[in-house]
């Protein structure tokens, strides 16, 4: 688990139109990669912040492209019912600002389930959603969504993320 300290170490800010936040939800830029990949291969896109989702999710095509290590499968449920999805371990990277306002990158290795056609289903809204960050990721963060301005701000403490089950 990671926790938010008195002064956040990472601040991620995204600005969108209010219409985009209304149609798609709060999005932040980021990337997925193998946690053990030293060649720098990554998949970049947008991540949906979803307080209704339990854990992290990755587009299945992205997981396969990156050849992420399979960790088994997990039973999931949502608005469409129950199912079993493949579970992977991946590194997530989010462009951020540090305490001094300098550009940096927040990275964490997380367990994520792979959702078929996640990116394809969101392209109709003009976005490339490669993943979803749910409550297990957000539990150590402060999330502000300003629906009037379209601004999304995520503050993550300095201890890093782990235990994303």
Protein backbone atom coordinates (compact mmCIF):
# COMPACT_ATOMS: atom_id res chain seq x y z
CA UNK A 1 0.00 0.00 0.00
CA UNK A 2 1.11 3.58 -0.47
CA UNK A 3 0.00 6.59 1.52
CA UNK A 4 -0.28 10.32 1.06
CA UNK A 5 2.20 12.20 3.21
CA UNK A 6 1.70 15.76 4.48
CA UNK A 7 3.29 17.20 1.35
CA UNK A 8 2.57 15.21 -1.81
CA UNK A 9 5.58 14.05 -3.74
CA UNK A 10 3.81 13.66 -7.09
CA UNK A 11 1.12 15.89 -8.60
CA UNK A 12 -0.57 14.90 -11.84
CA UNK A 13 -2.74 17.53 -13.51
CA UNK A 14 -4.89 17.08 -16.61
CA UNK A 15 -7.02 19.72 -18.28
CA UNK A 16 -9.91 18.77 -20.56
CA UNK A 17 -13.10 20.32 -21.78
CA UNK A 18 -16.09 19.88 -19.52
CA UNK A 19 -17.78 18.01 -22.38
CA UNK A 20 -14.93 15.48 -22.51
CA UNK A 21 -15.08 14.89 -18.76
CA UNK A 22 -18.85 14.44 -19.05
CA UNK A 23 -18.65 12.00 -22.01
CA UNK A 24 -15.60 9.94 -21.12
CA UNK A 25 -14.75 10.70 -17.49
CA UNK A 26 -11.59 12.00 -15.83
CA UNK A 27 -8.53 11.03 -17.88
CA UNK A 28 -4.80 11.39 -17.25
CA UNK A 29 -1.90 10.64 -19.60
CA UNK A 30 0.30 7.69 -18.85
CA UNK A 31 1.94 4.56 -20.13
CA UNK A 32 2.22 0.84 -19.44
CA UNK A 33 5.41 -1.19 -19.73
CA UNK A 34 6.94 -4.42 -18.48
CA UNK A 35 8.41 -3.91 -15.04
CA UNK A 36 11.50 -5.89 -16.10
CA UNK A 37 11.94 -4.37 -19.59
CA UNK A 38 15.21 -2.53 -20.02
CA UNK A 39 14.60 -1.79 -23.70
CA UNK A 40 12.14 0.99 -22.92
CA UNK A 41 9.13 -0.51 -24.72
CA UNK A 42 5.91 1.10 -23.59
CA UNK A 43 2.35 1.77 -24.66
CA UNK A 44 1.22 5.38 -24.20
CA UNK A 45 -2.30 6.68 -23.97
CA UNK A 46 -4.85 7.83 -21.46
CA UNK A 47 -5.98 6.26 -18.21
CA UNK A 48 -9.49 6.61 -16.89
CA UNK A 49 -9.78 7.43 -13.19
CA UNK A 50 -12.71 5.28 -12.04
CA UNK A 51 -13.78 5.35 -8.40
CA UNK A 52 -16.33 2.63 -9.22
CA UNK A 53 -13.61 0.19 -10.29
CA UNK A 54 -11.82 -1.85 -7.66
CA UNK A 55 -8.40 -2.31 -9.20
CA UNK A 56 -6.26 -1.42 -12.19
CA UNK A 57 -7.20 -2.56 -15.69
CA UNK A 58 -5.24 -2.64 -18.93
CA UNK A 59 -6.41 -3.07 -22.50
CA UNK A 60 -5.86 -6.75 -23.42
CA UNK A 61 -4.23 -5.83 -26.74
CA UNK A 62 -1.72 -3.60 -24.89
CA UNK A 63 -0.92 -6.39 -22.41
CA UNK A 64 -0.31 -8.81 -25.28
CA UNK A 65 1.76 -6.29 -27.27
CA UNK A 66 4.03 -5.70 -24.26
CA UNK A 67 4.14 -9.44 -23.49
CA UNK A 68 3.34 -8.77 -19.86
CA UNK A 69 3.93 -11.64 -17.42
CA UNK A 70 0.67 -13.47 -16.76
CA UNK A 71 -0.19 -13.73 -13.05
CA UNK A 72 -3.22 -15.99 -13.46
CA UNK A 73 -6.81 -14.82 -13.65
CA UNK A 74 -9.24 -12.96 -11.45
CA UNK A 75 -13.01 -13.00 -11.05
CA UNK A 76 -14.44 -9.54 -11.73
CA UNK A 77 -17.90 -8.03 -11.73
CA UNK A 78 -19.39 -4.87 -13.07
CA UNK A 79 -22.43 -3.41 -14.72
CA UNK A 80 -22.42 -6.24 -17.31
CA UNK A 81 -22.25 -9.03 -14.74
CA UNK A 82 -19.49 -11.38 -13.67
CA UNK A 83 -16.56 -12.84 -15.56
CA UNK A 84 -12.99 -14.03 -15.32
CA UNK A 85 -10.16 -11.94 -16.78
CA UNK A 86 -6.44 -12.57 -17.19
CA UNK A 87 -4.29 -10.81 -14.60
CA UNK A 88 -0.90 -9.31 -15.37
CA UNK A 89 1.88 -7.44 -13.61
CA UNK A 90 2.87 -4.16 -15.28
CA UNK A 91 4.65 -0.89 -14.64
CA UNK A 92 2.53 2.22 -14.85
CA UNK A 93 4.19 5.57 -15.49
CA UNK A 94 2.46 8.92 -15.05
CA UNK A 95 4.02 12.28 -15.99
CA UNK A 96 3.95 14.40 -12.84
CA UNK A 97 5.35 17.39 -10.99
CA UNK A 98 7.39 16.97 -7.82
CA UNK A 99 7.23 19.11 -4.67
CA UNK A 100 9.37 21.79 -6.32
CA UNK A 101 7.19 21.92 -9.45
CA UNK A 102 9.80 20.14 -11.58
CA UNK A 103 8.74 17.58 -14.16
CA UNK A 104 9.15 13.96 -13.07
CA UNK A 105 7.47 10.60 -13.57
CA UNK A 106 5.56 8.58 -10.99
CA UNK A 107 6.08 4.86 -11.57
CA UNK A 108 4.68 1.83 -9.81
CA UNK A 109 4.39 -1.89 -10.51
CA UNK A 110 0.75 -2.92 -10.25
CA UNK A 111 -1.37 -5.99 -10.79
CA UNK A 112 -4.00 -5.35 -13.43
CA UNK A 113 -6.70 -7.33 -15.20
CA UNK A 114 -6.85 -7.24 -19.00
CA UNK A 115 -10.08 -5.95 -20.55
CA UNK A 116 -10.72 -6.94 -24.17
CA UNK A 117 -11.39 -4.01 -26.54
CA UNK A 118 -11.02 -1.34 -23.85
CA UNK A 119 -9.22 1.02 -26.24
CA UNK A 120 -11.47 0.22 -29.20
CA UNK A 121 -14.65 0.95 -27.23
CA UNK A 122 -13.37 4.40 -26.25
CA UNK A 123 -12.09 5.50 -29.66
CA UNK A 124 -15.62 6.57 -30.62
CA UNK A 125 -15.14 9.41 -28.13
CA UNK A 126 -11.79 10.34 -29.68
CA UNK A 127 -9.63 9.02 -26.85
CA UNK A 128 -7.07 6.24 -26.59
CA UNK A 129 -7.89 4.71 -23.20
CA UNK A 130 -5.24 2.09 -22.46
CA UNK A 131 -6.20 1.49 -18.85
CA UNK A 132 -8.33 2.24 -15.83
CA UNK A 133 -7.13 3.16 -12.35
CA UNK A 134 -9.55 2.10 -9.62
CA UNK A 135 -9.89 2.44 -5.88
CA UNK A 136 -6.89 0.26 -4.95
CA UNK A 137 -4.64 2.70 -6.81
CA UNK A 138 -6.49 5.75 -5.51
CA UNK A 139 -6.54 4.70 -1.85
CA UNK A 140 -3.20 6.41 -1.26
CA UNK A 141 -3.98 9.50 -3.31
CA UNK A 142 -5.98 12.69 -3.25
CA UNK A 143 -8.22 13.09 -6.30
CA UNK A 144 -9.87 16.35 -7.31
CA UNK A 145 -12.22 16.50 -10.28
CA UNK A 146 -13.50 19.97 -11.13
CA UNK A 147 -16.45 19.33 -13.42
CA UNK A 148 -16.97 23.06 -14.05
CA UNK A 149 -13.46 23.61 -15.44
CA UNK A 150 -12.56 20.10 -16.66
CA UNK A 151 -9.46 20.00 -14.44
CA UNK A 152 -8.37 16.70 -12.88
CA UNK A 153 -5.67 16.65 -10.21
CA UNK A 154 -4.19 13.55 -8.62
CA UNK A 155 -1.73 13.85 -5.72
CA UNK A 156 0.27 10.77 -4.77
CA UNK A 157 2.43 10.45 -1.64
CA UNK A 158 6.15 9.86 -1.75
CA UNK A 159 6.24 6.23 -0.61
CA UNK A 160 5.53 4.80 -4.09
CA UNK A 161 2.84 2.27 -4.88
CA UNK A 162 2.81 -1.38 -4.08
CA UNK A 163 0.39 -4.09 -3.04
CA UNK A 164 -2.16 -3.12 -5.71
CA UNK A 165 -4.26 -6.26 -5.27
